[in-house]
PDB file of all heavy atoms in Angstrom:
ATOM      1  N   SER A   1      26.293  58.919  -7.341  1.00  0.00           N
ATOM      2  CA  SER A   1      27.125  60.121  -7.201  1.00  0.00           C
ATOM      3  C   SER A   1      28.454  59.860  -7.901  1.00  0.00           C
ATOM      4  O   SER A   1      29.151  58.895  -7.562  1.00  0.00           O
ATOM      5  CB  SER A   1      27.371  60.442  -5.733  1.00  0.00           C
ATOM      6  OG  SER A   1      26.164  60.678  -5.044  1.00  0.00           O
ATOM      7  N   VAL A   2      28.795  60.686  -8.874  1.00  0.00           N
ATOM      8  CA  VAL A   2      30.074  60.545  -9.563  1.00  0.00           C
ATOM      9  C   VAL A   2      31.129  61.299  -8.755  1.00  0.00           C
ATOM     10  O   VAL A   2      31.049  62.514  -8.617  1.00  0.00           O
ATOM     11  CB  VAL A   2      30.003  61.089 -11.002  1.00  0.00           C
ATOM     12  CG1 VAL A   2      31.364  60.958 -11.688  1.00  0.00           C
ATOM     13  CG2 VAL A   2      28.929  60.343 -11.806  1.00  0.00           C
ATOM     14  N   LEU A   3      32.101  60.571  -8.214  1.00  0.00           N
ATOM     15  CA  LEU A   3      33.139  61.170  -7.382  1.00  0.00           C
ATOM     16  C   LEU A   3      34.209  61.829  -8.251  1.00  0.00           C
ATOM     17  O   LEU A   3      34.593  62.961  -8.018  1.00  0.00           O
ATOM     18  CB  LEU A   3      33.767  60.112  -6.474  1.00  0.00           C
ATOM     19  CG  LEU A   3      32.772  59.373  -5.543  1.00  0.00           C
ATOM     20  CD1 LEU A   3      33.504  58.311  -4.740  1.00  0.00           C
ATOM     21  CD2 LEU A   3      32.067  60.353  -4.620  1.00  0.00           C
ATOM     22  N   TYR A   4      34.700  61.101  -9.226  1.00  0.00           N
ATOM     23  CA  TYR A   4      35.622  61.686 -10.202  1.00  0.00           C
ATOM     24  C   TYR A   4      35.761  60.740 -11.395  1.00  0.00           C
ATOM     25  O   TYR A   4      35.374  59.575 -11.350  1.00  0.00           O
ATOM     26  CB  TYR A   4      36.989  62.007  -9.596  1.00  0.00           C
ATOM     27  CG  TYR A   4      37.766  60.841  -9.024  1.00  0.00           C
ATOM     28  CD1 TYR A   4      38.738  60.177  -9.767  1.00  0.00           C
ATOM     29  CD2 TYR A   4      37.549  60.417  -7.711  1.00  0.00           C
ATOM     30  CE1 TYR A   4      39.449  59.119  -9.237  1.00  0.00           C
ATOM     31  CE2 TYR A   4      38.264  59.369  -7.173  1.00  0.00           C
ATOM     32  CZ  TYR A   4      39.218  58.729  -7.939  1.00  0.00           C
ATOM     33  OH  TYR A   4      39.923  57.672  -7.407  1.00  0.00           O
ATOM     34  N   ILE A   5      36.311  61.292 -12.468  1.00  0.00           N
ATOM     35  CA  ILE A   5      36.433  60.570 -13.739  1.00  0.00           C
ATOM     36  C   ILE A   5      37.889  60.608 -14.200  1.00  0.00           C
ATOM     37  O   ILE A   5      38.570  61.620 -14.058  1.00  0.00           O
ATOM     38  CB  ILE A   5      35.516  61.207 -14.807  1.00  0.00           C
ATOM     39  CG1 ILE A   5      34.042  60.893 -14.495  1.00  0.00           C
ATOM     40  CG2 ILE A   5      35.871  60.709 -16.214  1.00  0.00           C
ATOM     41  CD1 ILE A   5      33.063  61.684 -15.324  1.00  0.00           C
ATOM     42  N   LYS A   6      38.346  59.507 -14.756  1.00  0.00           N
ATOM     43  CA  LYS A   6      39.663  59.437 -15.406  1.00  0.00           C
ATOM     44  C   LYS A   6      39.446  58.961 -16.837  1.00  0.00           C
ATOM     45  O   LYS A   6      39.075  57.803 -17.062  1.00  0.00           O
ATOM     46  CB  LYS A   6      40.599  58.477 -14.654  1.00  0.00           C
ATOM     47  CG  LYS A   6      41.003  58.967 -13.274  1.00  0.00           C
ATOM     48  CD  LYS A   6      41.958  57.991 -12.614  1.00  0.00           C
ATOM     49  CE  LYS A   6      42.397  58.481 -11.232  1.00  0.00           C
ATOM     50  NZ  LYS A   6      43.321  57.516 -10.573  1.00  0.00           N
ATOM     51  N   ASP A   7      39.656  59.864 -17.783  1.00  0.00           N
ATOM     52  CA  ASP A   7      39.449  59.539 -19.193  1.00  0.00           C
ATOM     53  C   ASP A   7      40.779  59.149 -19.829  1.00  0.00           C
ATOM     54  O   ASP A   7      41.522  60.001 -20.323  1.00  0.00           O
ATOM     55  CB  ASP A   7      38.833  60.739 -19.926  1.00  0.00           C
ATOM     56  CG  ASP A   7      38.372  60.378 -21.329  1.00  0.00           C
ATOM     57  OD1 ASP A   7      38.811  59.327 -21.847  1.00  0.00           O
ATOM     58  OD2 ASP A   7      37.577  61.140 -21.906  1.00  0.00           O
ATOM     59  N   TYR A   8      41.052  57.838 -19.824  1.00  0.00           N
ATOM     60  CA  TYR A   8      42.285  57.344 -20.422  1.00  0.00           C
ATOM     61  C   TYR A   8      42.120  57.068 -21.925  1.00  0.00           C
ATOM     62  O   TYR A   8      43.021  56.497 -22.546  1.00  0.00           O
ATOM     63  CB  TYR A   8      42.726  56.048 -19.718  1.00  0.00           C
ATOM     64  CG  TYR A   8      43.131  56.251 -18.281  1.00  0.00           C
ATOM     65  CD1 TYR A   8      42.419  55.627 -17.249  1.00  0.00           C
ATOM     66  CD2 TYR A   8      44.221  57.056 -17.947  1.00  0.00           C
ATOM     67  CE1 TYR A   8      42.793  55.802 -15.916  1.00  0.00           C
ATOM     68  CE2 TYR A   8      44.589  57.243 -16.625  1.00  0.00           C
ATOM     69  CZ  TYR A   8      43.873  56.614 -15.614  1.00  0.00           C
ATOM     70  OH  TYR A   8      44.240  56.807 -14.294  1.00  0.00           O
ATOM     71  N   ILE A   9      40.975  57.468 -22.483  1.00  0.00           N
ATOM     72  CA  ILE A   9      40.792  57.363 -23.934  1.00  0.00           C
ATOM     73  C   ILE A   9      41.351  58.635 -24.591  1.00  0.00           C
ATOM     74  O   ILE A   9      42.156  58.566 -25.519  1.00  0.00           O
ATOM     75  CB  ILE A   9      39.315  57.163 -24.297  1.00  0.00           C
ATOM     76  CG1 ILE A   9      38.788  55.858 -23.671  1.00  0.00           C
ATOM     77  CG2 ILE A   9      39.125  57.120 -25.829  1.00  0.00           C
ATOM     78  CD1 ILE A   9      37.307  55.663 -23.800  1.00  0.00           C
ATOM     79  N   LYS A  10      40.926  59.773 -24.075  1.00  0.00           N
ATOM     80  CA  LYS A  10      41.453  61.045 -24.579  1.00  0.00           C
ATOM     81  C   LYS A  10      42.879  61.277 -24.099  1.00  0.00           C
ATOM     82  O   LYS A  10      43.660  61.961 -24.758  1.00  0.00           O
ATOM     83  CB  LYS A  10      40.547  62.201 -24.138  1.00  0.00           C
ATOM     84  CG  LYS A  10      39.175  62.172 -24.791  1.00  0.00           C
ATOM     85  CD  LYS A  10      38.307  63.318 -24.311  1.00  0.00           C
ATOM     86  CE  LYS A  10      36.936  63.293 -24.982  1.00  0.00           C
ATOM     87  NZ  LYS A  10      36.032  64.354 -24.447  1.00  0.00           N
ATOM     88  N   HIS A  11      43.198  60.710 -22.925  1.00  0.00           N
ATOM     89  CA  HIS A  11      44.538  60.878 -22.348  1.00  0.00           C
ATOM     90  C   HIS A  11      45.079  59.510 -21.927  1.00  0.00           C
ATOM     91  O   HIS A  11      45.055  59.164 -20.735  1.00  0.00           O
ATOM     92  CB  HIS A  11      44.488  61.823 -21.151  1.00  0.00           C
ATOM     93  CG  HIS A  11      43.828  63.141 -21.434  1.00  0.00           C
ATOM     94  ND1 HIS A  11      44.440  64.136 -22.157  1.00  0.00           N
ATOM     95  CD2 HIS A  11      42.575  63.595 -21.125  1.00  0.00           C
ATOM     96  CE1 HIS A  11      43.627  65.156 -22.264  1.00  0.00           C
ATOM     97  NE2 HIS A  11      42.491  64.862 -21.663  1.00  0.00           N
ATOM     98  N   PRO A  12      45.548  58.700 -22.887  1.00  0.00           N
ATOM     99  CA  PRO A  12      46.035  57.341 -22.570  1.00  0.00           C
ATOM    100  C   PRO A  12      47.227  57.369 -21.623  1.00  0.00           C
ATOM    101  O   PRO A  12      47.979  58.338 -21.561  1.00  0.00           O
ATOM    102  CB  PRO A  12      46.455  56.791 -23.945  1.00  0.00           C
ATOM    103  CG  PRO A  12      45.791  57.659 -24.949  1.00  0.00           C
ATOM    104  CD  PRO A  12      45.669  59.008 -24.318  1.00  0.00           C
ATOM    105  N   LYS A  13      47.392  56.285 -20.879  1.00  0.00           N
ATOM    106  CA  LYS A  13      48.573  56.133 -20.035  1.00  0.00           C
ATOM    107  C   LYS A  13      49.808  55.955 -20.919  1.00  0.00           C
ATOM    108  O   LYS A  13      49.705  55.632 -22.100  1.00  0.00           O
ATOM    109  CB  LYS A  13      48.416  54.922 -19.108  1.00  0.00           C
ATOM    110  CG  LYS A  13      47.382  55.094 -18.009  1.00  0.00           C
ATOM    111  CD  LYS A  13      47.399  53.896 -17.072  1.00  0.00           C
ATOM    112  CE  LYS A  13      46.387  54.034 -15.943  1.00  0.00           C
ATOM    113  NZ  LYS A  13      46.424  52.886 -15.016  1.00  0.00           N
ATOM    114  N   GLU A  14      50.967  56.137 -20.327  1.00  0.00           N
ATOM    115  CA  GLU A  14      52.217  56.010 -21.076  1.00  0.00           C
ATOM    116  C   GLU A  14      52.349  54.618 -21.699  1.00  0.00           C
ATOM    117  O   GLU A  14      52.921  54.459 -22.776  1.00  0.00           O
ATOM    118  CB  GLU A  14      53.401  56.279 -20.138  1.00  0.00           C
ATOM    119  CG  GLU A  14      54.742  56.337 -20.846  1.00  0.00           C
ATOM    120  CD  GLU A  14      55.882  56.656 -19.916  1.00  0.00           C
ATOM    121  OE1 GLU A  14      55.615  57.099 -18.764  1.00  0.00           O
ATOM    122  OE2 GLU A  14      57.040  56.474 -20.322  1.00  0.00           O
ATOM    123  N   SER A  15      51.797  53.613 -21.033  1.00  0.00           N
ATOM    124  CA  SER A  15      51.867  52.236 -21.533  1.00  0.00           C
ATOM    125  C   SER A  15      51.023  52.021 -22.787  1.00  0.00           C
ATOM    126  O   SER A  15      51.210  51.051 -23.515  1.00  0.00           O
ATOM    127  CB  SER A  15      51.387  51.260 -20.454  1.00  0.00           C
ATOM    128  OG  SER A  15      50.018  51.486 -20.157  1.00  0.00           O
ATOM    129  N   GLY A  16      50.075  52.962 -23.023  1.00  0.00           N
ATOM    130  CA  GLY A  16      49.135  52.803 -24.131  1.00  0.00           C
ATOM    131  C   GLY A  16      47.739  52.434 -23.661  1.00  0.00           C
ATOM    132  O   GLY A  16      46.796  52.365 -24.452  1.00  0.00           O
ATOM    133  N   TYR A  17      47.597  52.198 -22.361  1.00  0.00           N
ATOM    134  CA  TYR A  17      46.304  51.804 -21.781  1.00  0.00           C
ATOM    135  C   TYR A  17      45.234  52.851 -22.069  1.00  0.00           C
ATOM    136  O   TYR A  17      45.440  54.044 -21.858  1.00  0.00           O
ATOM    137  CB  TYR A  17      46.459  51.618 -20.276  1.00  0.00           C
ATOM    138  CG  TYR A  17      45.173  51.300 -19.543  1.00  0.00           C
ATOM    139  CD1 TYR A  17      44.708  49.991 -19.457  1.00  0.00           C
ATOM    140  CD2 TYR A  17      44.426  52.315 -18.938  1.00  0.00           C
ATOM    141  CE1 TYR A  17      43.537  49.702 -18.769  1.00  0.00           C
ATOM    142  CE2 TYR A  17      43.254  52.026 -18.249  1.00  0.00           C
ATOM    143  CZ  TYR A  17      42.815  50.714 -18.174  1.00  0.00           C
ATOM    144  OH  TYR A  17      41.646  50.439 -17.499  1.00  0.00           O
ATOM    145  N   ARG A  18      44.070  52.379 -22.542  1.00  0.00           N
ATOM    146  CA  ARG A  18      42.950  53.252 -22.847  1.00  0.00           C
ATOM    147  C   ARG A  18      41.683  52.669 -22.234  1.00  0.00           C
ATOM    148  O   ARG A  18      41.376  51.496 -22.423  1.00  0.00           O
ATOM    149  CB  ARG A  18      42.773  53.436 -24.361  1.00  0.00           C
ATOM    150  CG  ARG A  18      43.932  54.132 -25.033  1.00  0.00           C
ATOM    151  CD  ARG A  18      43.893  53.969 -26.538  1.00  0.00           C
ATOM    152  NE  ARG A  18      42.802  54.700 -27.158  1.00  0.00           N
ATOM    153  CZ  ARG A  18      41.798  54.146 -27.810  1.00  0.00           C
ATOM    154  NH1 ARG A  18      41.709  52.836 -27.918  1.00  0.00           N
ATOM    155  NH2 ARG A  18      40.848  54.875 -28.346  1.00  0.00           N
ATOM    156  N   SER A  19      40.955  53.492 -21.505  1.00  0.00           N
ATOM    157  CA  SER A  19      39.701  53.088 -20.878  1.00  0.00           C
ATOM    158  C   SER A  19      39.088  54.333 -20.254  1.00  0.00           C
ATOM    159  O   SER A  19      39.764  55.344 -20.092  1.00  0.00           O
ATOM    160  CB  SER A  19      39.952  52.020 -19.809  1.00  0.00           C
ATOM    161  OG  SER A  19      38.749  51.522 -19.272  1.00  0.00           O
ATOM    162  N   TYR A  20      37.793  54.258 -19.940  1.00  0.00           N
ATOM    163  CA  TYR A  20      37.115  55.379 -19.299  1.00  0.00           C
ATOM    164  C   TYR A  20      36.714  54.928 -17.907  1.00  0.00           C
ATOM    165  O   TYR A  20      35.952  53.979 -17.748  1.00  0.00           O
ATOM    166  CB  TYR A  20      35.873  55.765 -20.113  1.00  0.00           C
ATOM    167  CG  TYR A  20      35.217  57.056 -19.686  1.00  0.00           C
ATOM    168  CD1 TYR A  20      35.575  58.266 -20.262  1.00  0.00           C
ATOM    169  CD2 TYR A  20      34.215  57.068 -18.724  1.00  0.00           C
ATOM    170  CE1 TYR A  20      34.971  59.459 -19.900  1.00  0.00           C
ATOM    171  CE2 TYR A  20      33.604  58.246 -18.333  1.00  0.00           C
ATOM    172  CZ  TYR A  20      33.977  59.433 -18.930  1.00  0.00           C
ATOM    173  OH  TYR A  20      33.367  60.615 -18.555  1.00  0.00           O
ATOM    174  N   HIS A  21      37.284  55.582 -16.892  1.00  0.00           N
ATOM    175  CA  HIS A  21      37.038  55.175 -15.509  1.00  0.00           C
ATOM    176  C   HIS A  21      36.103  56.180 -14.819  1.00  0.00           C
ATOM    177  O   HIS A  21      36.342  57.385 -14.855  1.00  0.00           O
ATOM    178  CB  HIS A  21      38.340  55.110 -14.710  1.00  0.00           C
ATOM    179  CG  HIS A  21      39.242  53.986 -15.138  1.00  0.00           C
ATOM    180  ND1 HIS A  21      40.282  53.537 -14.360  1.00  0.00           N
ATOM    181  CD2 HIS A  21      39.245  53.217 -16.239  1.00  0.00           C
ATOM    182  CE1 HIS A  21      40.901  52.544 -14.985  1.00  0.00           C
ATOM    183  NE2 HIS A  21      40.289  52.330 -16.133  1.00  0.00           N
ATOM    184  N   MET A  22      35.067  55.657 -14.199  1.00  0.00           N
ATOM    185  CA  MET A  22      34.168  56.457 -13.377  1.00  0.00           C
ATOM    186  C   MET A  22      34.209  55.922 -11.948  1.00  0.00           C
ATOM    187  O   MET A  22      33.915  54.744 -11.713  1.00  0.00           O
ATOM    188  CB  MET A  22      32.725  56.389 -13.899  1.00  0.00           C
ATOM    189  CG  MET A  22      32.525  56.940 -15.288  1.00  0.00           C
ATOM    190  SD  MET A  22      30.781  56.862 -15.805  1.00  0.00           S
ATOM    191  CE  MET A  22      30.056  58.206 -14.816  1.00  0.00           C
ATOM    192  N   HIS A  23      34.597  56.768 -11.014  1.00  0.00           N
ATOM    193  CA  HIS A  23      34.556  56.394  -9.607  1.00  0.00           C
ATOM    194  C   HIS A  23      33.260  56.952  -9.034  1.00  0.00           C
ATOM    195  O   HIS A  23      33.063  58.172  -8.999  1.00  0.00           O
ATOM    196  CB  HIS A  23      35.770  56.943  -8.869  1.00  0.00           C
ATOM    197  CG  HIS A  23      37.049  56.299  -9.309  1.00  0.00           C
ATOM    198  ND1 HIS A  23      37.703  55.333  -8.577  1.00  0.00           N
ATOM    199  CD2 HIS A  23      37.777  56.450 -10.441  1.00  0.00           C
ATOM    200  CE1 HIS A  23      38.784  54.943  -9.214  1.00  0.00           C
ATOM    201  NE2 HIS A  23      38.841  55.610 -10.364  1.00  0.00           N
ATOM    202  N   ILE A  24      32.377  56.051  -8.653  1.00  0.00           N
ATOM    203  CA  ILE A  24      31.033  56.453  -8.234  1.00  0.00           C
ATOM    204  C   ILE A  24      30.744  55.965  -6.820  1.00  0.00           C
ATOM    205  O   ILE A  24      31.494  55.169  -6.245  1.00  0.00           O
ATOM    206  CB  ILE A  24      29.961  55.913  -9.204  1.00  0.00           C
ATOM    207  CG1 ILE A  24      29.958  54.375  -9.190  1.00  0.00           C
ATOM    208  CG2 ILE A  24      30.203  56.429 -10.618  1.00  0.00           C
ATOM    209  CD1 ILE A  24      28.848  53.753 -10.017  1.00  0.00           C
ATOM    210  N   GLN A  25      29.635  56.454  -6.287  1.00  0.00           N
ATOM    211  CA  GLN A  25      29.182  56.040  -4.956  1.00  0.00           C
ATOM    212  C   GLN A  25      27.677  55.784  -5.019  1.00  0.00           C
ATOM    213  O   GLN A  25      26.939  56.586  -5.594  1.00  0.00           O
ATOM    214  CB  GLN A  25      29.486  57.147  -3.959  1.00  0.00           C
ATOM    215  CG  GLN A  25      29.354  56.730  -2.508  1.00  0.00           C
ATOM    216  CD  GLN A  25      29.997  57.751  -1.584  1.00  0.00           C
ATOM    217  OE1 GLN A  25      31.114  57.580  -1.120  1.00  0.00           O
ATOM    218  NE2 GLN A  25      29.312  58.847  -1.327  1.00  0.00           N
ATOM    219  N   VAL A  26      27.269  54.651  -4.454  1.00  0.00           N
ATOM    220  CA  VAL A  26      25.849  54.311  -4.453  1.00  0.00           C
ATOM    221  C   VAL A  26      25.377  54.065  -3.021  1.00  0.00           C
ATOM    222  O   VAL A  26      26.137  53.556  -2.193  1.00  0.00           O
ATOM    223  CB  VAL A  26      25.553  53.057  -5.321  1.00  0.00           C
ATOM    224  CG1 VAL A  26      25.768  53.359  -6.790  1.00  0.00           C
ATOM    225  CG2 VAL A  26      26.412  51.870  -4.900  1.00  0.00           C
ATOM    226  N   PRO A  27      24.128  54.414  -2.706  1.00  0.00           N
ATOM    227  CA  PRO A  27      23.611  54.181  -1.354  1.00  0.00           C
ATOM    228  C   PRO A  27      23.137  52.732  -1.192  1.00  0.00           C
ATOM    229  O   PRO A  27      22.342  52.243  -1.983  1.00  0.00           O
ATOM    230  CB  PRO A  27      22.420  55.154  -1.270  1.00  0.00           C
ATOM    231  CG  PRO A  27      21.963  55.303  -2.691  1.00  0.00           C
ATOM    232  CD  PRO A  27      23.171  55.137  -3.560  1.00  0.00           C
ATOM    233  N   ILE A  28      23.671  52.064  -0.183  1.00  0.00           N
ATOM    234  CA  ILE A  28      23.238  50.687   0.107  1.00  0.00           C
ATOM    235  C   ILE A  28      22.353  50.713   1.346  1.00  0.00           C
ATOM    236  O   ILE A  28      22.788  51.132   2.424  1.00  0.00           O
ATOM    237  CB  ILE A  28      24.454  49.765   0.335  1.00  0.00           C
ATOM    238  CG1 ILE A  28      25.355  49.744  -0.901  1.00  0.00           C
ATOM    239  CG2 ILE A  28      23.990  48.343   0.679  1.00  0.00           C
ATOM    240  CD1 ILE A  28      24.674  49.310  -2.173  1.00  0.00           C
ATOM    241  N   GLN A  29      21.133  50.283   1.166  1.00  0.00           N
ATOM    242  CA  GLN A  29      20.174  50.273   2.273  1.00  0.00           C
ATOM    243  C   GLN A  29      20.396  49.046   3.135  1.00  0.00           C
ATOM    244  O   GLN A  29      20.305  47.907   2.659  1.00  0.00           O
ATOM    245  CB  GLN A  29      18.740  50.269   1.730  1.00  0.00           C
ATOM    246  CG  GLN A  29      17.655  50.285   2.803  1.00  0.00           C
ATOM    247  CD  GLN A  29      17.608  51.622   3.524  1.00  0.00           C
ATOM    248  OE1 GLN A  29      17.398  52.658   2.911  1.00  0.00           O
ATOM    249  NE2 GLN A  29      17.773  51.596   4.849  1.00  0.00           N
ATOM    250  N   THR A  30      20.720  49.242   4.404  1.00  0.00           N
ATOM    251  CA  THR A  30      20.873  48.135   5.345  1.00  0.00           C
ATOM    252  C   THR A  30      19.843  48.306   6.462  1.00  0.00           C
ATOM    253  O   THR A  30      19.152  49.321   6.539  1.00  0.00           O
ATOM    254  CB  THR A  30      22.295  48.121   5.955  1.00  0.00           C
ATOM    255  OG1 THR A  30      22.433  49.234   6.857  1.00  0.00           O
ATOM    256  CG2 THR A  30      23.357  48.210   4.866  1.00  0.00           C
ATOM    257  N   THR A  31      19.787  47.333   7.352  1.00  0.00           N
ATOM    258  CA  THR A  31      18.845  47.416   8.467  1.00  0.00           C
ATOM    259  C   THR A  31      19.230  48.524   9.444  1.00  0.00           C
ATOM    260  O   THR A  31      18.409  48.981  10.236  1.00  0.00           O
ATOM    261  CB  THR A  31      18.793  46.078   9.235  1.00  0.00           C
ATOM    262  OG1 THR A  31      20.122  45.714   9.624  1.00  0.00           O
ATOM    263  CG2 THR A  31      18.192  44.975   8.364  1.00  0.00           C
ATOM    264  N   LYS A  32      20.487  48.963   9.376  1.00  0.00           N
ATOM    265  CA  LYS A  32      20.952  50.032  10.269  1.00  0.00           C
ATOM    266  C   LYS A  32      20.970  51.400   9.595  1.00  0.00           C
ATOM    267  O   LYS A  32      21.382  52.383  10.189  1.00  0.00           O
ATOM    268  CB  LYS A  32      22.364  49.693  10.774  1.00  0.00           C
ATOM    269  CG  LYS A  32      22.401  48.436  11.643  1.00  0.00           C
ATOM    270  CD  LYS A  32      23.813  48.145  12.124  1.00  0.00           C
ATOM    271  CE  LYS A  32      23.842  46.896  12.985  1.00  0.00           C
ATOM    272  NZ  LYS A  32      25.215  46.581  13.457  1.00  0.00           N
ATOM    273  N   GLY A  33      20.538  51.433   8.337  1.00  0.00           N
ATOM    274  CA  GLY A  33      20.511  52.703   7.626  1.00  0.00           C
ATOM    275  C   GLY A  33      21.203  52.626   6.282  1.00  0.00           C
ATOM    276  O   GLY A  33      21.597  51.550   5.830  1.00  0.00           O
ATOM    277  N   ILE A  34      21.365  53.784   5.642  1.00  0.00           N
ATOM    278  CA  ILE A  34      21.976  53.847   4.324  1.00  0.00           C
ATOM    279  C   ILE A  34      23.495  54.028   4.457  1.00  0.00           C
ATOM    280  O   ILE A  34      23.960  54.872   5.218  1.00  0.00           O
ATOM    281  CB  ILE A  34      21.378  55.005   3.499  1.00  0.00           C
ATOM    282  CG1 ILE A  34      19.908  54.707   3.180  1.00  0.00           C
ATOM    283  CG2 ILE A  34      22.169  55.220   2.204  1.00  0.00           C
ATOM    284  CD1 ILE A  34      19.184  55.842   2.495  1.00  0.00           C
ATOM    285  N   VAL A  35      24.236  53.225   3.692  1.00  0.00           N
ATOM    286  CA  VAL A  35      25.697  53.310   3.711  1.00  0.00           C
ATOM    287  C   VAL A  35      26.180  53.624   2.285  1.00  0.00           C
ATOM    288  O   VAL A  35      26.084  52.776   1.399  1.00  0.00           O
ATOM    289  CB  VAL A  35      26.333  51.997   4.200  1.00  0.00           C
ATOM    290  CG1 VAL A  35      27.861  52.140   4.247  1.00  0.00           C
ATOM    291  CG2 VAL A  35      25.786  51.585   5.557  1.00  0.00           C
ATOM    292  N   PRO A  36      26.698  54.832   2.050  1.00  0.00           N
ATOM    293  CA  PRO A  36      27.261  55.149   0.726  1.00  0.00           C
ATOM    294  C   PRO A  36      28.495  54.274   0.466  1.00  0.00           C
ATOM    295  O   PRO A  36      29.386  54.193   1.323  1.00  0.00           O
ATOM    296  CB  PRO A  36      27.650  56.630   0.833  1.00  0.00           C
ATOM    297  CG  PRO A  36      26.896  57.138   2.037  1.00  0.00           C
ATOM    298  CD  PRO A  36      26.778  55.971   2.969  1.00  0.00           C
ATOM    299  N   THR A  37      28.530  53.622  -0.676  1.00  0.00           N
ATOM    300  CA  THR A  37      29.608  52.660  -0.974  1.00  0.00           C
ATOM    301  C   THR A  37      30.199  52.926  -2.355  1.00  0.00           C
ATOM    302  O   THR A  37      29.459  53.157  -3.312  1.00  0.00           O
ATOM    303  CB  THR A  37      29.058  51.218  -0.894  1.00  0.00           C
ATOM    304  OG1 THR A  37      28.416  51.027   0.383  1.00  0.00           O
ATOM    305  CG2 THR A  37      30.173  50.199  -1.031  1.00  0.00           C
ATOM    306  N   LYS A  38      31.539  52.881  -2.440  1.00  0.00           N
ATOM    307  CA  LYS A  38      32.230  53.231  -3.686  1.00  0.00           C
ATOM    308  C   LYS A  38      32.331  52.042  -4.645  1.00  0.00           C
ATOM    309  O   LYS A  38      32.510  50.892  -4.228  1.00  0.00           O
ATOM    310  CB  LYS A  38      33.647  53.719  -3.376  1.00  0.00           C
ATOM    311  CG  LYS A  38      33.707  54.979  -2.533  1.00  0.00           C
ATOM    312  CD  LYS A  38      35.158  55.286  -2.169  1.00  0.00           C
ATOM    313  CE  LYS A  38      35.251  56.461  -1.204  1.00  0.00           C
ATOM    314  NZ  LYS A  38      36.649  56.679  -0.760  1.00  0.00           N
ATOM    315  N   VAL A  39      32.258  52.373  -5.927  1.00  0.00           N
ATOM    316  CA  VAL A  39      32.441  51.389  -6.997  1.00  0.00           C
ATOM    317  C   VAL A  39      33.245  52.058  -8.109  1.00  0.00           C
ATOM    318  O   VAL A  39      33.005  53.225  -8.427  1.00  0.00           O
ATOM    319  CB  VAL A  39      31.087  50.900  -7.573  1.00  0.00           C
ATOM    320  CG1 VAL A  39      31.314  49.917  -8.723  1.00  0.00           C
ATOM    321  CG2 VAL A  39      30.235  50.258  -6.489  1.00  0.00           C
ATOM    322  N   GLU A  40      34.174  51.327  -8.688  1.00  0.00           N
ATOM    323  CA  GLU A  40      34.871  51.845  -9.873  1.00  0.00           C
ATOM    324  C   GLU A  40      34.278  51.194 -11.111  1.00  0.00           C
ATOM    325  O   GLU A  40      34.187  49.962 -11.208  1.00  0.00           O
ATOM    326  CB  GLU A  40      36.371  51.542  -9.823  1.00  0.00           C
ATOM    327  CG  GLU A  40      37.094  52.144 -11.031  1.00  0.00           C
ATOM    328  CD  GLU A  40      38.510  51.612 -11.227  1.00  0.00           C
ATOM    329  OE1 GLU A  40      38.662  50.377 -11.341  1.00  0.00           O
ATOM    330  OE2 GLU A  40      39.438  52.417 -11.274  1.00  0.00           O
ATOM    331  N   LEU A  41      33.889  52.031 -12.068  1.00  0.00           N
ATOM    332  CA  LEU A  41      33.395  51.558 -13.361  1.00  0.00           C
ATOM    333  C   LEU A  41      34.480  51.770 -14.403  1.00  0.00           C
ATOM    334  O   LEU A  41      35.030  52.867 -14.537  1.00  0.00           O
ATOM    335  CB  LEU A  41      32.152  52.345 -13.783  1.00  0.00           C
ATOM    336  CG  LEU A  41      30.796  51.883 -13.276  1.00  0.00           C
ATOM    337  CD1 LEU A  41      29.737  52.918 -13.650  1.00  0.00           C
ATOM    338  CD2 LEU A  41      30.422  50.544 -13.892  1.00  0.00           C
ATOM    339  N   GLN A  42      34.805  50.726 -15.144  1.00  0.00           N
ATOM    340  CA  GLN A  42      35.714  50.834 -16.284  1.00  0.00           C
ATOM    341  C   GLN A  42      34.896  50.554 -17.539  1.00  0.00           C
ATOM    342  O   GLN A  42      34.321  49.475 -17.671  1.00  0.00           O
ATOM    343  CB  GLN A  42      36.864  49.839 -16.170  1.00  0.00           C
ATOM    344  CG  GLN A  42      37.755  50.050 -14.966  1.00  0.00           C
ATOM    345  CD  GLN A  42      38.855  49.009 -14.871  1.00  0.00           C
ATOM    346  OE1 GLN A  42      38.884  48.042 -15.631  1.00  0.00           O
ATOM    347  NE2 GLN A  42      39.769  49.192 -13.942  1.00  0.00           N
TER     348      GLN A  42
END
């Protein structure tokens, strides 16, 4: 599940930083059930 995106390539930070950030969520199967867990992709 893509939670939100920050496109610092098309819109660089003031410092000049450029990267494409995807904040996502993945289901982790545990013995007590599924736990949605966040991950940041750069």
